[in-house]
Amino acid sequence: MPAIRTPGAPSVSEPYGDRATAVSRGVTILSAALASLLLLFLVLPLAGIVGGWGLSGLRALVGDAELRASVALTLLTATIATLLGAAGGIPLAYLLSRGRFRGRAMVSALLDMPLVVPHPVAGIALLLMLGHDTPLGKAMFAAGLEITGSRTGIVCAMMFVSAPLLISAAREAFDRVDPRLEAVARTLGDSPWRAARRVTLPLAARGLVSAGVVMWARAMSEFGAIVILTYNPKVASVLSYERFTAFGLKSALPVAAVLVLLALVPIAVLRTVNSPDSLPERRG
């Protein structure tokens, strides 16, 4: 039986429907406003540096020998750190993805530690382990390998703070590959290593490249650990800080603009390599 509505009296159901619609619309508007504000907050500062000082940075890169040397040093050490991190991190990521051993969760947690400690603290920790007055530092110095105040120290600092990102991303790439494919290869006579090399590595290749790019980008941007362990020679981030403290904001802006422009390179590579349609579906 239809509800009897007295003239002038509100409907029983209509106010609730109208109120729910109004609340939903209000939540949508508020969410869009907050998302827009966050987007502007994240984009505008960097856009301001590139738009206002990008050309000055490129001109400085041509005419400033110290800036060119620091950028070249940053590129070189970040690449070495990434290669070394991949050499050890990819096998470790495979072990964490495929292995079932006691303490696996603890190993994963320990690997995440460099991501959550302040980076100057990471530099202090490395200094306590690799400094001139430590047993390991003395042994390495006696062997002709100096850590503090050297390119080797820069590589160590970069690798310490960025290798966990590579391991995490590589592990996710391995997780995307169905382990049953390896099992099939092994039933056909492949050893575990050969099955991983012929089946898993090719299928996870895009994810592994993406992991390497992420590590390289993070290593490029590192400052806190490097400035503690190796102030000289200067990478680009340390040079930017030095010019800011010594000469003011205006002197640091061209270096900062160069760093922002360099950051666009790994972002473009990631968007190309890690496109949504190029990766296999994640297994459940």
Protein backbone atom coordinates (compact mmCIF):
# COMPACT_ATOMS: atom_id res chain seq x y z
CA MET A 1 0.00 0.00 0.00
CA PRO A 2 1.47 3.36 -0.93
CA ALA A 3 2.33 5.65 1.93
CA ILE A 4 -0.34 8.24 2.74
CA ARG A 5 1.18 11.67 2.68
CA THR A 6 -0.62 14.44 4.58
CA PRO A 7 -0.51 17.76 2.75
CA GLY A 8 2.34 19.82 4.13
CA ALA A 9 3.99 16.83 5.88
CA PRO A 10 7.45 15.62 4.71
CA SER A 11 7.85 12.20 3.10
CA VAL A 12 9.33 9.46 5.29
CA SER A 13 11.91 8.26 2.73
CA GLU A 14 12.72 11.33 0.65
CA PRO A 15 14.62 13.33 3.32
CA TYR A 16 16.97 10.42 4.00
CA GLY A 17 17.72 9.97 0.30
CA ASP A 18 18.26 13.68 -0.22
CA ARG A 19 20.47 13.89 2.87
CA ALA A 20 22.60 10.91 1.75
CA THR A 21 23.02 12.43 -1.69
CA ALA A 22 24.03 15.77 -0.19
CA VAL A 23 26.54 14.11 2.16
CA SER A 24 28.03 12.09 -0.71
CA ARG A 25 28.33 15.20 -2.84
CA GLY A 26 29.95 17.09 0.02
CA VAL A 27 32.48 14.31 0.64
CA THR A 28 33.33 14.22 -3.06
CA ILE A 29 33.86 17.98 -3.20
CA LEU A 30 35.97 17.97 -0.03
CA SER A 31 38.10 15.05 -1.27
CA ALA A 32 38.66 16.75 -4.61
CA ALA A 33 39.65 19.99 -2.87
CA LEU A 34 42.11 18.23 -0.53
CA ALA A 35 43.57 16.22 -3.42
CA SER A 36 44.03 19.40 -5.47
CA LEU A 37 45.72 21.19 -2.58
CA LEU A 38 48.09 18.27 -2.02
CA LEU A 39 48.89 18.11 -5.74
CA LEU A 40 49.69 21.81 -5.81
CA PHE A 41 51.77 21.50 -2.65
CA LEU A 42 53.86 18.72 -4.22
CA VAL A 43 54.19 20.16 -7.72
CA LEU A 44 54.44 23.94 -7.35
CA PRO A 45 57.76 24.15 -5.44
CA LEU A 46 59.59 21.99 -7.99
CA ALA A 47 57.84 23.67 -10.90
CA GLY A 48 58.94 27.01 -9.48
CA ILE A 49 62.57 25.91 -9.39
CA VAL A 50 62.52 24.54 -12.93
CA GLY A 51 60.45 27.38 -14.38
CA GLY A 52 62.42 30.14 -12.70
CA TRP A 53 65.93 28.68 -12.66
CA GLY A 54 66.01 25.82 -15.15
CA LEU A 55 67.78 27.82 -17.86
CA SER A 56 70.16 29.32 -15.32
CA GLY A 57 70.98 25.83 -14.13
CA LEU A 58 71.71 24.62 -17.66
CA ARG A 59 73.91 27.66 -18.30
CA ALA A 60 75.71 27.02 -15.01
CA LEU A 61 76.20 23.40 -16.02
CA VAL A 62 78.02 24.59 -19.12
CA GLY A 63 80.10 27.34 -17.50
CA ASP A 64 80.62 26.11 -13.92
CA ALA A 65 83.41 23.53 -13.76
CA GLU A 66 82.70 22.69 -10.10
CA LEU A 67 79.05 22.00 -10.86
CA ARG A 68 79.95 19.79 -13.84
CA ALA A 69 82.39 17.83 -11.72
CA SER A 70 79.86 17.34 -8.93
CA VAL A 71 77.14 16.19 -11.34
CA ALA A 72 79.55 13.78 -13.05
CA LEU A 73 80.63 12.44 -9.66
CA THR A 74 76.99 12.00 -8.63
CA LEU A 75 76.14 10.10 -11.81
CA LEU A 76 79.21 7.88 -11.52
CA THR A 77 78.84 6.98 -7.86
CA ALA A 78 75.07 6.44 -8.12
CA THR A 79 75.62 4.07 -11.05
CA ILE A 80 78.32 2.12 -9.20
CA ALA A 81 76.15 1.91 -6.08
CA THR A 82 73.21 0.65 -8.15
CA LEU A 83 75.29 -2.01 -9.91
CA LEU A 84 76.72 -3.25 -6.61
CA GLY A 85 73.29 -3.14 -4.99
CA ALA A 86 71.77 -5.11 -7.85
CA ALA A 87 74.54 -7.72 -7.70
CA GLY A 88 73.69 -8.55 -4.10
CA GLY A 89 70.12 -7.31 -3.85
CA ILE A 90 68.51 -9.26 -6.69
CA PRO A 91 69.61 -12.69 -5.39
CA LEU A 92 68.51 -11.65 -1.90
CA ALA A 93 65.14 -10.50 -3.22
CA TYR A 94 64.72 -13.84 -5.02
CA LEU A 95 65.52 -15.70 -1.81
CA LEU A 96 62.97 -13.65 0.14
CA SER A 97 60.36 -14.19 -2.56
CA ARG A 98 60.80 -17.91 -3.10
CA GLY A 99 62.44 -19.10 0.11
CA ARG A 100 60.58 -20.37 3.13
CA PHE A 101 63.00 -20.26 6.05
CA ARG A 102 62.91 -19.33 9.69
CA GLY A 103 63.66 -15.69 10.29
CA ARG A 104 62.55 -14.49 6.85
CA ALA A 105 60.25 -11.85 8.37
CA MET A 106 63.10 -10.62 10.59
CA VAL A 107 65.44 -10.35 7.60
CA SER A 108 62.81 -8.32 5.72
CA ALA A 109 62.37 -6.01 8.71
CA LEU A 110 66.12 -5.47 9.07
CA LEU A 111 66.40 -4.63 5.39
CA ASP A 112 63.79 -1.90 5.84
CA MET A 113 65.69 -0.23 8.70
CA PRO A 114 67.83 2.09 6.52
CA LEU A 115 64.59 3.47 5.05
CA VAL A 116 63.17 4.60 8.38
CA VAL A 117 66.20 5.95 10.24
CA PRO A 118 67.16 9.61 9.60
CA HIS A 119 69.82 9.71 6.93
CA PRO A 120 72.36 11.66 9.01
CA VAL A 121 72.00 8.82 11.53
CA ALA A 122 72.72 6.39 8.69
CA GLY A 123 75.88 8.36 7.94
CA ILE A 124 76.91 8.26 11.59
CA ALA A 125 76.31 4.50 11.70
CA LEU A 126 78.50 4.02 8.62
CA LEU A 127 81.15 6.27 10.13
CA LEU A 128 81.19 4.17 13.31
CA MET A 129 81.71 1.03 11.22
CA LEU A 130 84.00 2.30 8.45
CA GLY A 131 85.78 5.32 9.99
CA HIS A 132 89.55 5.62 10.31
CA ASP A 133 89.53 4.64 13.98
CA THR A 134 87.43 1.49 13.62
CA PRO A 135 88.94 -2.00 13.18
CA LEU A 136 87.24 -2.49 9.82
CA GLY A 137 88.20 0.99 8.66
CA LYS A 138 91.84 0.44 9.66
CA ALA A 139 91.94 -2.91 7.89
CA MET A 140 90.45 -1.45 4.71
CA PHE A 141 92.82 1.52 4.85
CA ALA A 142 95.79 -0.85 5.24
CA ALA A 143 94.55 -2.68 2.15
CA GLY A 144 94.55 0.61 0.23
CA LEU A 145 90.80 1.25 0.38
CA GLU A 146 89.88 4.50 2.11
CA ILE A 147 86.22 5.08 2.92
CA THR A 148 85.80 8.47 4.56
CA GLY A 149 86.51 11.43 2.34
CA SER A 150 86.56 9.39 -0.85
CA ARG A 151 84.39 8.25 -3.73
CA THR A 152 84.17 4.85 -2.09
CA GLY A 153 82.53 6.47 0.92
CA ILE A 154 79.97 8.15 -1.34
CA VAL A 155 79.15 4.80 -2.94
CA CYS A 156 78.79 3.18 0.49
CA ALA A 157 76.43 5.92 1.70
CA MET A 158 74.33 5.78 -1.46
CA MET A 159 74.10 2.01 -1.38
CA PHE A 160 73.17 1.90 2.31
CA VAL A 161 70.14 4.18 1.94
CA SER A 162 68.92 3.06 -1.48
CA ALA A 163 69.58 -0.71 -1.76
CA PRO A 164 66.51 -1.57 0.39
CA LEU A 165 64.33 0.06 -2.25
CA LEU A 166 65.82 -2.16 -4.94
CA ILE A 167 65.38 -5.29 -2.82
CA SER A 168 61.75 -4.47 -2.06
CA ALA A 169 60.89 -3.70 -5.69
CA ALA A 170 62.80 -6.74 -6.99
CA ARG A 171 61.03 -8.99 -4.51
CA GLU A 172 57.69 -7.68 -5.75
CA ALA A 173 58.77 -8.36 -9.33
CA PHE A 174 59.61 -11.96 -8.43
CA ASP A 175 56.29 -12.29 -6.58
CA ARG A 176 54.50 -11.48 -9.82
CA VAL A 177 55.96 -14.57 -11.51
CA ASP A 178 54.03 -17.76 -10.82
CA PRO A 179 56.43 -20.23 -9.13
CA ARG A 180 54.64 -23.09 -10.88
CA LEU A 181 56.39 -22.05 -14.08
CA GLU A 182 59.73 -22.77 -12.42
CA ALA A 183 58.38 -26.09 -11.18
CA VAL A 184 57.47 -27.06 -14.74
CA ALA A 185 60.97 -26.18 -15.95
CA ARG A 186 62.49 -28.28 -13.19
CA THR A 187 60.34 -31.27 -14.13
CA LEU A 188 61.85 -30.96 -17.61
CA GLY A 189 65.35 -31.35 -16.20
CA ASP A 190 66.44 -27.80 -15.33
CA SER A 191 68.33 -27.18 -12.11
CA PRO A 192 66.86 -24.61 -9.70
CA TRP A 193 69.36 -21.97 -10.90
CA ARG A 194 68.77 -22.75 -14.57
CA ALA A 195 64.99 -22.63 -14.09
CA ALA A 196 65.26 -19.26 -12.35
CA ARG A 197 67.57 -17.91 -15.06
CA ARG A 198 65.52 -19.16 -18.02
CA VAL A 199 62.01 -18.60 -16.64
CA THR A 200 61.79 -16.22 -13.69
CA LEU A 201 64.43 -13.65 -14.60
CA PRO A 202 63.06 -12.92 -18.10
CA LEU A 203 59.49 -12.65 -16.79
CA ALA A 204 60.59 -10.36 -13.95
CA ALA A 205 63.00 -8.34 -16.10
CA ARG A 206 60.84 -5.21 -16.41
CA GLY A 207 60.27 -5.11 -12.67
CA LEU A 208 63.98 -5.61 -12.00
CA VAL A 209 64.91 -2.77 -14.34
CA SER A 210 62.35 -0.61 -12.58
CA ALA A 211 63.86 -1.56 -9.22
CA GLY A 212 67.31 -0.56 -10.45
CA VAL A 213 66.04 2.80 -11.70
CA VAL A 214 64.37 3.48 -8.35
CA MET A 215 67.61 2.72 -6.52
CA TRP A 216 69.63 4.87 -8.91
CA ALA A 217 67.26 7.81 -8.49
CA ARG A 218 67.36 7.51 -4.70
CA ALA A 219 71.14 7.29 -4.71
CA MET A 220 71.34 10.39 -6.90
CA SER A 221 69.32 12.42 -4.41
CA GLU A 222 71.08 11.31 -1.22
CA PHE A 223 72.54 14.01 1.02
CA GLY A 224 72.36 13.25 4.75
CA ALA A 225 74.48 10.11 4.89
CA ILE A 226 76.98 11.43 2.34
CA VAL A 227 77.60 14.73 4.10
CA ILE A 228 78.49 12.83 7.31
CA LEU A 229 80.69 10.20 5.71
CA THR A 230 82.23 12.10 2.79
CA TYR A 231 81.87 15.88 2.51
CA ASN A 232 84.62 16.08 -0.08
CA PRO A 233 84.64 15.32 -2.97
CA LYS A 234 81.25 16.94 -3.33
CA VAL A 235 78.27 15.35 -5.02
CA ALA A 236 75.66 17.72 -6.43
CA SER A 237 73.40 17.65 -3.36
CA VAL A 238 76.29 18.57 -1.06
CA LEU A 239 77.38 21.33 -3.46
CA SER A 240 73.86 22.77 -3.40
CA TYR A 241 73.89 22.79 0.41
CA GLU A 242 77.35 24.37 0.54
CA ARG A 243 76.42 27.19 -1.80
CA PHE A 244 73.21 27.83 0.11
CA THR A 245 75.00 28.10 3.45
CA ALA A 246 77.97 30.05 2.10
CA PHE A 247 76.40 32.37 -0.49
CA GLY A 248 72.64 32.27 0.03
CA LEU A 249 69.57 31.02 -1.76
CA LYS A 250 70.27 32.64 -5.12
CA SER A 251 73.59 30.83 -5.52
CA ALA A 252 72.06 27.47 -4.65
CA LEU A 253 69.09 27.70 -7.03
CA PRO A 254 70.92 26.85 -10.30
CA VAL A 255 72.37 23.71 -8.70
CA ALA A 256 68.95 22.81 -7.31
CA ALA A 257 67.40 23.29 -10.75
CA VAL A 258 69.96 20.91 -12.30
CA LEU A 259 69.12 18.28 -9.66
CA VAL A 260 65.39 18.60 -10.36
CA LEU A 261 66.00 18.27 -14.11
CA LEU A 262 68.15 15.18 -13.50
CA ALA A 263 65.32 13.70 -11.42
CA LEU A 264 63.09 13.80 -14.50
CA VAL A 265 65.30 11.20 -16.23
CA PRO A 266 64.52 8.23 -13.94
CA ILE A 267 60.87 9.27 -13.80
CA ALA A 268 60.66 9.13 -17.60
CA VAL A 269 62.44 5.77 -17.64
CA LEU A 270 60.07 4.35 -15.02
CA ARG A 271 57.01 5.49 -16.94
CA THR A 272 58.39 3.85 -20.07
CA VAL A 273 59.55 0.57 -18.55
CA ASN A 274 56.88 0.10 -15.91
CA SER A 275 53.76 0.94 -17.90
CA PRO A 276 50.58 -0.73 -16.56
CA ASP A 277 50.06 -2.86 -19.68
CA SER A 278 53.60 -4.26 -19.73
CA LEU A 279 53.66 -6.25 -16.49
CA PRO A 280 52.03 -9.58 -15.73
CA GLU A 281 49.23 -9.74 -13.23
CA ARG A 282 50.21 -10.13 -9.61
CA ARG A 283 49.54 -13.60 -8.32
CA GLY A 284 47.25 -14.04 -5.36
